[in-house]
Amino acid sequence: MKQRLTPWVALAVLVSSILPLKPAPPEDVVWLRTGERLRGQILGMAGEGWLRWQHPHIAEEIKLALTNVLKIRFAPRNLGNTNLENPCVVRLINGDNLSGNLAGFDGMHLSLESPACGRLQIPRQIMVGLQPMEMNARIVYEGPTGLDGWTQGQGVAEVAADAWVYGNGAFIANKPGSIARDVKLPDLVEISFQVEWEGYTTLAIALYADRLQPIQLLAKDKIEDLQGFYSLQISMASFISAVLVPIKKDVPLNPQGLGMAINQNFIQSSKAAFTIRANKKERIVILYCNGQLMRQWQDPVETLGSGTILRFVNQQATTVRISNLVIKHWDGRHEFQNNLTTQGTNDLLLLVNQDRVSGVLGPLRNKEWEVGTPLGPVQVPLSKIEQLHFSILKRQPPPTKPAPARLTFNNQDRLSIQLDHWSGDRLQATHPLLGQMIINISALREIVLD
């Protein structure tokens, strides 16, 4: 049964519905557990358990019980200068992650300067590891925001010319069809997107294609001046499988491609977030699903031409929805491997050149990390480290009780906290591992309350 709205909240909903719409600055959004959604400005907390909220057309501020609030989505705010000298993301044992400037490590504590949370001293026993990162990677494309600039397939019997439509930030198709754009794919690229589907669906993604229109693969050798590309074919049902097929003129087509990847963790699920990373010069394509590595393929021969087009093809007469598409330059570093096992009390460093260094981490000085190995101490430059994993045996057990609030930051950081106090742009919170902390509201995208 729905709860009744308080008079002030009911009035706010009514005012929003009858006043004429006009351009307004971005607003915060509050989702109530009763299903209502309120737009306005979050002012902070009033005592314990109350949220202060201001409607743009009501002079008096309104108090909302936090027990009635499901989610808060923040309007974009300016966090200020976020340029960092040694940017990295720290992974905690409870699944949280926080990025910032790596300021030091003394063997027991890591010093992190977070633009959102200030300077933190993080004990090594609560960290899974860390990963140096590229800040402010150059965005090639972000959307979708509409069909403009995209070309739908036509002239091929297997696809419909109007298969794709746009709605609510997504491309949607319920019949076979392709949609493509020359996004000028760089040689090192990261492509991330979310897919929702119904029934059995196959989505083919052409990487580095040279034409906007789809082709009949069995007739590829008859196409004049066709340049090679990769077809990443992702099949989605009660589990997810993927195969990377090199497509090149006058080279026999192998449907098995370079091998199959299978993820069987999607029983009863019809939504997944994918990330594709490609290194054109090294002929490498890597696929992640919900942050977990599915497979890395390496083409043994030169296949690709000079194409820079990205093309999506829905190959089934079922509904598929593509959203949150972000294409950006990739620095060549791989996704953090959460399931990597360290040996004994040794820590593990994965290097950019794929080498590994195992030993006991010592201090970080002058952008070099000292590692005690059986052959003696070695100095590893921070710029050469792709991932760092702390010894499993030296970690403390993760918390068993979930925190009542989950924060998502604009840069995809995530923290689980207890809300203590909130005034203006400062949120005081207690983290189950980091303790009391102050968080800059300008860095947040949303808060979800359990």
Protein backbone atom coordinates (compact mmCIF):
# COMPACT_ATOMS: atom_id res chain seq x y z
CA MET A 1 0.00 0.00 0.00
CA LYS A 2 1.30 3.46 -0.87
CA GLN A 3 1.95 5.87 1.96
CA ARG A 4 0.12 9.22 1.85
CA LEU A 5 2.20 12.23 0.90
CA THR A 6 2.65 14.97 3.48
CA PRO A 7 0.75 18.18 2.60
CA TRP A 8 3.92 20.04 1.63
CA VAL A 9 5.15 17.23 -0.63
CA ALA A 10 1.71 16.83 -2.20
CA LEU A 11 1.64 20.58 -2.87
CA ALA A 12 5.10 20.41 -4.46
CA VAL A 13 3.98 17.65 -6.82
CA LEU A 14 0.83 19.64 -7.71
CA VAL A 15 2.73 22.88 -8.30
CA SER A 16 5.22 21.11 -10.55
CA SER A 17 2.38 19.72 -12.65
CA ILE A 18 0.44 22.97 -13.22
CA LEU A 19 3.16 25.61 -13.59
CA PRO A 20 4.32 26.26 -17.15
CA LEU A 21 7.57 24.62 -18.07
CA LYS A 22 10.48 26.97 -18.70
CA PRO A 23 14.25 26.59 -18.85
CA ALA A 24 15.68 26.05 -15.38
CA PRO A 25 19.07 25.23 -13.93
CA PRO A 26 19.83 21.55 -13.34
CA GLU A 27 18.04 20.20 -10.28
CA ASP A 28 18.57 17.47 -7.74
CA VAL A 29 16.07 14.61 -7.91
CA VAL A 30 14.67 12.65 -4.96
CA TRP A 31 13.00 9.27 -5.49
CA LEU A 32 10.54 8.37 -2.70
CA ARG A 33 9.71 4.80 -1.74
CA THR A 34 6.07 5.58 -2.56
CA GLY A 35 7.01 6.00 -6.22
CA GLU A 36 6.96 9.80 -6.43
CA ARG A 37 9.89 11.73 -7.85
CA LEU A 38 10.65 15.26 -6.64
CA ARG A 39 12.86 17.87 -8.31
CA GLY A 40 14.48 20.76 -6.51
CA GLN A 41 17.55 21.41 -4.38
CA ILE A 42 18.92 19.28 -1.55
CA LEU A 43 19.99 21.56 1.31
CA GLY A 44 21.34 18.90 3.67
CA MET A 45 20.10 17.05 6.74
CA ALA A 46 17.97 18.44 9.56
CA GLY A 47 18.82 16.49 12.68
CA GLU A 48 18.95 12.72 12.59
CA GLY A 49 16.91 11.05 9.88
CA TRP A 50 15.56 14.09 8.02
CA LEU A 51 16.42 15.54 4.61
CA ARG A 52 16.10 19.27 3.91
CA TRP A 53 14.68 19.87 0.44
CA GLN A 54 13.75 23.07 -1.41
CA HIS A 55 11.17 23.12 -4.19
CA PRO A 56 11.83 25.87 -6.80
CA HIS A 57 8.25 27.21 -6.51
CA ILE A 58 7.75 26.97 -2.74
CA ALA A 59 9.46 29.48 -0.44
CA GLU A 60 9.55 27.28 2.65
CA GLU A 61 11.95 24.35 2.74
CA ILE A 62 10.46 20.88 3.18
CA LYS A 63 11.66 18.10 5.46
CA LEU A 64 11.60 14.54 4.14
CA ALA A 65 12.09 11.53 6.38
CA LEU A 66 15.10 9.56 5.15
CA THR A 67 13.13 6.37 5.78
CA ASN A 68 10.84 7.47 2.93
CA VAL A 69 13.71 8.26 0.52
CA LEU A 70 14.95 5.59 -1.88
CA LYS A 71 17.50 7.49 -3.97
CA ILE A 72 18.98 10.96 -4.47
CA ARG A 73 20.39 12.00 -7.85
CA PHE A 74 22.51 15.16 -7.81
CA ALA A 75 22.61 17.86 -10.44
CA PRO A 76 26.09 18.39 -11.92
CA ARG A 77 28.32 20.48 -9.66
CA ASN A 78 31.82 21.87 -10.06
CA LEU A 79 34.34 19.97 -7.95
CA GLY A 80 37.19 22.28 -8.92
CA ASN A 81 40.69 21.23 -9.94
CA THR A 82 41.02 17.44 -10.11
CA ASN A 83 44.40 17.21 -11.83
CA LEU A 84 46.50 14.63 -9.98
CA GLU A 85 50.22 13.91 -10.14
CA ASN A 86 49.98 10.15 -9.47
CA PRO A 87 46.34 9.20 -10.13
CA CYS A 88 45.22 5.77 -8.98
CA VAL A 89 42.13 3.89 -7.85
CA VAL A 90 42.22 1.92 -4.58
CA ARG A 91 40.12 -1.27 -4.25
CA LEU A 92 38.87 -2.08 -0.74
CA ILE A 93 38.01 -5.51 0.69
CA ASN A 94 34.27 -4.72 0.86
CA GLY A 95 34.09 -4.00 -2.89
CA ASP A 96 34.32 -0.20 -2.59
CA ASN A 97 36.75 1.79 -4.69
CA LEU A 98 38.12 5.30 -4.33
CA SER A 99 40.43 7.26 -6.62
CA GLY A 100 42.86 10.04 -5.90
CA ASN A 101 46.50 11.03 -5.88
CA LEU A 102 48.89 8.37 -4.59
CA ALA A 103 50.92 10.46 -2.14
CA GLY A 104 52.89 7.75 -0.36
CA PHE A 105 53.17 4.29 1.20
CA ASP A 106 55.23 3.40 4.27
CA GLY A 107 54.70 -0.37 4.20
CA MET A 108 51.63 -0.28 6.44
CA HIS A 109 49.53 2.70 5.31
CA LEU A 110 48.81 4.19 1.92
CA SER A 111 48.37 7.95 1.70
CA LEU A 112 45.65 8.93 -0.78
CA GLU A 113 44.70 12.51 -1.61
CA SER A 114 41.11 12.30 -2.81
CA PRO A 115 39.49 15.34 -4.49
CA ALA A 116 36.20 14.15 -2.98
CA CYS A 117 37.27 13.02 0.51
CA GLY A 118 40.51 14.82 1.31
CA ARG A 119 43.70 13.12 2.52
CA LEU A 120 43.21 9.56 3.77
CA GLN A 121 45.57 7.13 5.50
CA ILE A 122 44.43 3.67 4.37
CA PRO A 123 45.73 0.58 6.23
CA ARG A 124 47.07 -2.09 3.88
CA GLN A 125 44.97 -4.83 5.52
CA ILE A 126 41.73 -3.31 4.19
CA MET A 127 42.95 -3.01 0.59
CA VAL A 128 42.68 -5.61 -2.17
CA GLY A 129 44.98 -3.55 -4.35
CA LEU A 130 45.32 -0.45 -6.45
CA GLN A 131 45.69 0.52 -10.06
CA PRO A 132 47.44 3.56 -11.53
CA MET A 133 45.06 5.28 -13.91
CA GLU A 134 44.80 7.87 -16.61
CA MET A 135 42.88 10.93 -15.50
CA ASN A 136 40.48 12.70 -17.83
CA ALA A 137 40.86 10.28 -20.74
CA ARG A 138 39.80 12.02 -23.95
CA ILE A 139 36.20 11.18 -24.83
CA VAL A 140 35.54 10.31 -28.47
CA TYR A 141 31.77 9.85 -28.14
CA GLU A 142 29.22 9.80 -25.32
CA GLY A 143 25.53 9.04 -25.68
CA PRO A 144 23.37 8.16 -27.40
CA THR A 145 21.43 11.41 -27.50
CA GLY A 146 19.51 10.68 -30.70
CA LEU A 147 19.80 9.14 -34.16
CA ASP A 148 21.54 12.16 -35.69
CA GLY A 149 25.00 11.22 -36.95
CA TRP A 150 24.16 7.50 -37.05
CA THR A 151 23.37 5.52 -40.20
CA GLN A 152 20.88 2.66 -40.26
CA GLY A 153 21.51 -0.33 -42.48
CA GLN A 154 19.69 -0.77 -45.76
CA GLY A 155 20.08 -2.75 -48.95
CA VAL A 156 20.84 -6.02 -47.15
CA ALA A 157 18.05 -8.59 -47.08
CA GLU A 158 18.66 -9.69 -43.49
CA VAL A 159 18.24 -6.23 -41.91
CA ALA A 160 15.46 -3.66 -41.77
CA ALA A 161 16.16 -0.06 -42.76
CA ASP A 162 14.26 1.34 -39.75
CA ALA A 163 15.10 -1.25 -37.12
CA TRP A 164 16.54 1.18 -34.57
CA VAL A 165 14.71 3.94 -32.73
CA TYR A 166 15.88 6.31 -30.02
CA GLY A 167 14.19 6.79 -26.66
CA ASN A 168 15.16 7.74 -23.11
CA GLY A 169 18.89 7.75 -23.75
CA ALA A 170 19.03 4.44 -25.61
CA PHE A 171 19.01 2.82 -29.05
CA ILE A 172 16.21 0.24 -29.22
CA ALA A 173 15.56 -2.43 -31.87
CA ASN A 174 13.03 -5.26 -31.96
CA LYS A 175 14.00 -6.68 -35.35
CA PRO A 176 17.25 -7.35 -37.22
CA GLY A 177 19.03 -4.17 -38.19
CA SER A 178 22.29 -2.23 -37.99
CA ILE A 179 23.26 1.23 -36.84
CA ALA A 180 26.72 2.68 -37.46
CA ARG A 181 28.80 5.79 -37.06
CA ASP A 182 32.28 6.84 -38.07
CA VAL A 183 33.47 7.74 -34.58
CA LYS A 184 37.11 7.77 -35.74
CA LEU A 185 38.06 4.85 -33.50
CA PRO A 186 41.59 5.47 -32.18
CA ASP A 187 44.24 2.74 -32.26
CA LEU A 188 43.91 2.38 -28.48
CA VAL A 189 40.23 2.56 -27.59
CA GLU A 190 37.82 1.69 -24.79
CA ILE A 191 34.14 1.21 -25.64
CA SER A 192 31.68 0.76 -22.78
CA PHE A 193 27.91 0.35 -22.99
CA GLN A 194 24.95 -1.30 -21.30
CA VAL A 195 22.69 -3.84 -23.01
CA GLU A 196 19.20 -4.98 -22.03
CA TRP A 197 17.53 -7.77 -23.98
CA GLU A 198 14.52 -10.07 -24.17
CA GLY A 199 14.75 -13.76 -24.98
CA TYR A 200 17.70 -14.97 -27.04
CA THR A 201 19.62 -12.11 -28.62
CA THR A 202 22.82 -11.82 -30.65
CA LEU A 203 24.48 -8.44 -30.99
CA ALA A 204 27.31 -8.16 -33.53
CA ILE A 205 29.71 -5.26 -33.08
CA ALA A 206 31.94 -4.31 -36.00
CA LEU A 207 35.23 -2.76 -34.88
CA TYR A 208 37.33 -0.67 -37.28
CA ALA A 209 34.91 -1.19 -40.17
CA ASP A 210 35.40 0.82 -43.36
CA ARG A 211 31.74 1.28 -44.31
CA LEU A 212 28.55 2.33 -42.57
CA GLN A 213 26.37 -0.30 -44.20
CA PRO A 214 26.43 -3.93 -43.02
CA ILE A 215 27.72 -6.62 -45.33
CA GLN A 216 26.76 -10.21 -46.05
CA LEU A 217 29.71 -12.10 -44.63
CA LEU A 218 29.37 -15.01 -47.05
CA ALA A 219 29.64 -12.56 -49.95
CA LYS A 220 32.53 -10.52 -48.54
CA ASP A 221 35.00 -11.62 -51.22
CA LYS A 222 32.80 -10.04 -53.90
CA ILE A 223 32.82 -6.60 -52.25
CA GLU A 224 35.19 -4.22 -53.98
CA ASP A 225 37.87 -2.59 -51.82
CA LEU A 226 36.58 -4.18 -48.60
CA GLN A 227 39.01 -3.56 -45.76
CA GLY A 228 39.39 -5.92 -42.85
CA PHE A 229 37.59 -5.47 -39.53
CA TYR A 230 36.66 -7.45 -36.42
CA SER A 231 33.15 -8.74 -35.75
CA LEU A 232 32.58 -9.24 -32.01
CA GLN A 233 29.46 -11.38 -31.73
CA ILE A 234 27.84 -11.42 -28.28
CA SER A 235 25.00 -13.89 -27.66
CA MET A 236 22.76 -13.25 -24.67
CA ALA A 237 20.18 -15.56 -23.11
CA SER A 238 20.37 -17.32 -19.72
CA PHE A 239 24.15 -16.98 -20.10
CA ILE A 240 26.45 -14.84 -22.24
CA SER A 241 28.91 -16.02 -24.86
CA ALA A 242 31.10 -14.09 -27.25
CA VAL A 243 33.35 -14.81 -30.21
CA LEU A 244 35.71 -12.49 -32.11
CA VAL A 245 35.69 -13.14 -35.86
CA PRO A 246 38.30 -11.48 -38.11
CA ILE A 247 36.72 -10.41 -41.41
CA LYS A 248 39.06 -9.94 -44.36
CA LYS A 249 38.59 -10.19 -48.09
CA ASP A 250 39.94 -13.36 -49.75
CA VAL A 251 40.59 -14.96 -46.34
CA PRO A 252 38.34 -17.95 -45.49
CA LEU A 253 35.63 -17.10 -42.97
CA ASN A 254 35.87 -19.06 -39.72
CA PRO A 255 32.64 -18.80 -37.65
CA GLN A 256 34.58 -19.93 -34.56
CA GLY A 257 36.84 -16.94 -34.99
CA LEU A 258 39.66 -16.62 -32.48
CA GLY A 259 37.83 -18.61 -29.81
CA MET A 260 34.75 -18.35 -27.63
CA ALA A 261 34.26 -16.70 -24.24
CA ILE A 262 31.46 -17.86 -21.94
CA ASN A 263 30.03 -16.22 -18.82
CA GLN A 264 27.47 -18.42 -17.06
CA ASN A 265 26.69 -16.02 -14.21
CA PHE A 266 23.61 -14.50 -15.82
CA ILE A 267 20.82 -16.94 -15.04
CA GLN A 268 17.55 -14.97 -14.75
CA SER A 269 19.28 -11.76 -15.84
CA SER A 270 18.59 -9.67 -18.94
CA LYS A 271 20.95 -6.75 -18.42
CA ALA A 272 24.73 -6.45 -18.61
CA ALA A 273 27.42 -3.78 -18.83
CA PHE A 274 30.14 -4.47 -21.40
CA THR A 275 33.55 -2.92 -21.92
CA ILE A 276 35.61 -3.54 -25.05
CA ARG A 277 39.25 -2.54 -25.19
CA ALA A 278 41.19 -2.72 -28.42
CA ASN A 279 44.85 -2.25 -29.28
CA LYS A 280 44.93 -2.04 -33.05
CA LYS A 281 48.70 -2.20 -33.46
CA GLU A 282 49.05 -5.23 -31.18
CA ARG A 283 45.91 -6.84 -32.73
CA ILE A 284 44.38 -7.31 -29.26
CA VAL A 285 40.70 -7.14 -28.29
CA ILE A 286 39.57 -7.57 -24.66
CA LEU A 287 35.99 -8.06 -23.49
CA TYR A 288 34.71 -7.42 -19.96
CA CYS A 289 31.21 -8.10 -18.66
CA ASN A 290 30.10 -6.26 -15.52
CA GLY A 291 33.74 -5.51 -14.75
CA GLN A 292 34.87 -9.14 -15.04
CA LEU A 293 37.26 -10.25 -17.76
CA MET A 294 35.58 -12.60 -20.24
CA ARG A 295 38.44 -13.05 -22.69
CA GLN A 296 41.41 -11.46 -24.38
CA TRP A 297 41.90 -12.28 -28.05
CA GLN A 298 45.03 -11.67 -30.09
CA ASP A 299 44.89 -11.92 -33.85
CA PRO A 300 47.91 -13.89 -35.16
CA VAL A 301 47.83 -12.10 -38.52
CA GLU A 302 47.20 -8.60 -39.83
CA THR A 303 43.46 -8.22 -40.46
CA LEU A 304 42.53 -4.60 -39.95
CA GLY A 305 42.59 -1.93 -42.61
CA SER A 306 42.20 1.82 -42.16
CA GLY A 307 38.53 1.80 -41.10
CA THR A 308 37.43 3.76 -38.03
CA ILE A 309 33.70 2.95 -37.99
CA LEU A 310 31.76 1.35 -35.13
CA ARG A 311 28.66 -0.65 -36.11
CA PHE A 312 26.04 -2.45 -33.99
CA VAL A 313 23.88 -5.15 -35.59
CA ASN A 314 20.90 -6.77 -33.89
CA GLN A 315 20.84 -10.21 -35.51
CA GLN A 316 17.58 -11.52 -34.03
CA ALA A 317 13.91 -10.53 -34.15
CA THR A 318 14.03 -9.78 -30.43
CA THR A 319 14.24 -6.57 -28.46
CA VAL A 320 17.64 -5.15 -27.55
CA ARG A 321 18.41 -1.83 -25.87
CA ILE A 322 21.84 -0.12 -25.94
CA SER A 323 22.55 2.75 -23.54
CA ASN A 324 25.38 4.51 -21.69
CA LEU A 325 27.69 4.29 -24.70
CA VAL A 326 31.07 5.89 -24.01
CA ILE A 327 34.01 5.70 -26.41
CA LYS A 328 37.31 7.07 -25.20
CA HIS A 329 41.04 6.81 -25.65
CA TRP A 330 42.58 3.95 -23.67
CA ASP A 331 46.00 4.16 -22.03
CA GLY A 332 46.68 0.45 -22.58
CA ARG A 333 46.13 -0.61 -18.97
CA HIS A 334 43.85 -3.57 -18.27
CA GLU A 335 40.85 -3.88 -15.94
CA PHE A 336 41.65 -4.66 -12.32
CA GLN A 337 41.50 -8.43 -11.72
CA ASN A 338 39.55 -8.85 -8.48
CA ASN A 339 39.93 -12.63 -8.44
CA LEU A 340 43.72 -12.70 -8.77
CA THR A 341 45.40 -14.87 -6.11
CA THR A 342 48.64 -13.85 -4.44
CA GLN A 343 51.15 -16.41 -3.13
CA GLY A 344 51.60 -16.61 0.63
CA THR A 345 52.51 -13.32 2.26
CA ASN A 346 53.91 -11.86 -0.96
CA ASP A 347 52.32 -8.93 -2.74
CA LEU A 348 52.04 -8.99 -6.52
CA LEU A 349 52.74 -6.31 -9.12
CA LEU A 350 51.49 -6.72 -12.69
CA LEU A 351 53.54 -4.55 -15.02
CA VAL A 352 52.48 -2.76 -18.19
CA ASN A 353 54.70 -5.07 -20.27
CA GLN A 354 52.86 -8.10 -18.76
CA ASP A 355 55.79 -9.07 -16.48
CA ARG A 356 55.11 -9.87 -12.82
CA VAL A 357 57.02 -8.98 -9.67
CA SER A 358 56.24 -10.90 -6.47
CA GLY A 359 57.54 -9.84 -3.07
CA VAL A 360 56.88 -7.73 0.00
CA LEU A 361 55.98 -4.12 -0.71
CA GLY A 362 58.19 -1.55 0.92
CA PRO A 363 58.01 2.24 0.87
CA LEU A 364 57.13 4.37 -2.14
CA ARG A 365 59.77 7.05 -2.78
CA ASN A 366 60.33 9.35 -5.73
CA LYS A 367 57.67 7.55 -7.78
CA GLU A 368 59.42 4.19 -7.32
CA TRP A 369 58.05 1.30 -5.29
CA GLU A 370 60.49 -0.84 -3.35
CA VAL A 371 59.73 -4.57 -3.47
CA GLY A 372 61.56 -7.09 -1.33
CA THR A 373 62.15 -10.19 -3.48
CA PRO A 374 64.09 -13.43 -2.79
CA LEU A 375 66.91 -11.95 -4.88
CA GLY A 376 66.97 -8.71 -2.92
CA PRO A 377 65.09 -5.41 -3.08
CA VAL A 378 64.14 -3.98 -6.46
CA GLN A 379 62.82 -0.53 -7.36
CA VAL A 380 59.79 -0.54 -9.67
CA PRO A 381 58.82 2.79 -11.31
CA LEU A 382 55.21 3.70 -10.68
CA SER A 383 54.74 4.37 -14.40
CA LYS A 384 55.53 0.70 -15.16
CA ILE A 385 52.87 -0.72 -12.80
CA GLU A 386 49.53 -1.74 -14.26
CA GLN A 387 48.05 -3.32 -11.12
CA LEU A 388 49.12 -3.96 -7.55
CA HIS A 389 47.59 -6.74 -5.43
CA PHE A 390 48.17 -6.92 -1.68
CA SER A 391 48.72 -10.32 -0.07
CA ILE A 392 45.47 -12.13 0.73
CA LEU A 393 46.95 -13.49 3.96
CA LYS A 394 47.55 -9.97 5.28
CA ARG A 395 44.00 -8.75 4.67
CA GLN A 396 41.40 -8.57 7.41
CA PRO A 397 37.96 -10.17 6.86
CA PRO A 398 35.48 -7.88 5.07
CA PRO A 399 32.51 -6.44 7.01
CA THR A 400 29.52 -8.78 7.23
CA LYS A 401 26.88 -6.10 7.82
CA PRO A 402 26.05 -3.92 4.79
CA ALA A 403 26.19 -0.15 5.21
CA PRO A 404 22.82 1.66 4.99
CA ALA A 405 23.81 4.01 2.14
CA ARG A 406 25.71 3.55 -1.12
CA LEU A 407 27.42 6.48 -2.81
CA THR A 408 28.25 6.65 -6.51
CA PHE A 409 30.66 9.39 -7.56
CA ASN A 410 30.81 11.19 -10.89
CA ASN A 411 34.04 9.34 -11.72
CA GLN A 412 32.43 5.92 -10.95
CA ASP A 413 33.99 5.61 -7.48
CA ARG A 414 31.75 3.81 -4.98
CA LEU A 415 31.58 3.91 -1.18
CA SER A 416 29.23 2.26 1.33
CA ILE A 417 28.59 4.52 4.32
CA GLN A 418 26.45 5.55 7.27
CA LEU A 419 25.11 9.11 6.86
CA ASP A 420 25.95 11.18 9.96
CA HIS A 421 25.45 14.83 9.04
CA TRP A 422 25.02 16.90 5.92
CA SER A 423 25.26 20.66 5.57
CA GLY A 424 25.78 22.55 2.33
CA ASP A 425 28.36 20.78 0.18
CA ARG A 426 29.86 18.73 3.04
CA LEU A 427 28.62 15.27 3.97
CA GLN A 428 29.89 13.71 7.20
CA ALA A 429 29.79 9.93 7.09
CA THR A 430 31.16 6.79 8.71
CA HIS A 431 32.72 4.15 6.49
CA PRO A 432 32.91 0.57 7.85
CA LEU A 433 36.64 0.40 7.02
CA LEU A 434 37.88 3.98 6.74
CA GLY A 435 35.99 5.37 9.73
CA GLN A 436 34.71 8.94 9.87
CA MET A 437 35.18 11.01 6.74
CA ILE A 438 33.98 14.21 5.09
CA ILE A 439 32.80 13.96 1.48
CA ASN A 440 32.37 16.81 -0.99
CA ILE A 441 28.81 16.65 -2.36
CA SER A 442 30.03 18.14 -5.66
CA ALA A 443 31.78 14.83 -6.39
CA LEU A 444 28.63 12.72 -6.03
CA ARG A 445 26.27 11.43 -8.69
CA GLU A 446 23.78 9.66 -6.44
CA ILE A 447 23.02 8.18 -3.02
CA VAL A 448 20.99 4.98 -2.70
CA LEU A 449 19.47 4.25 0.73
CA ASP A 450 18.76 0.68 1.86
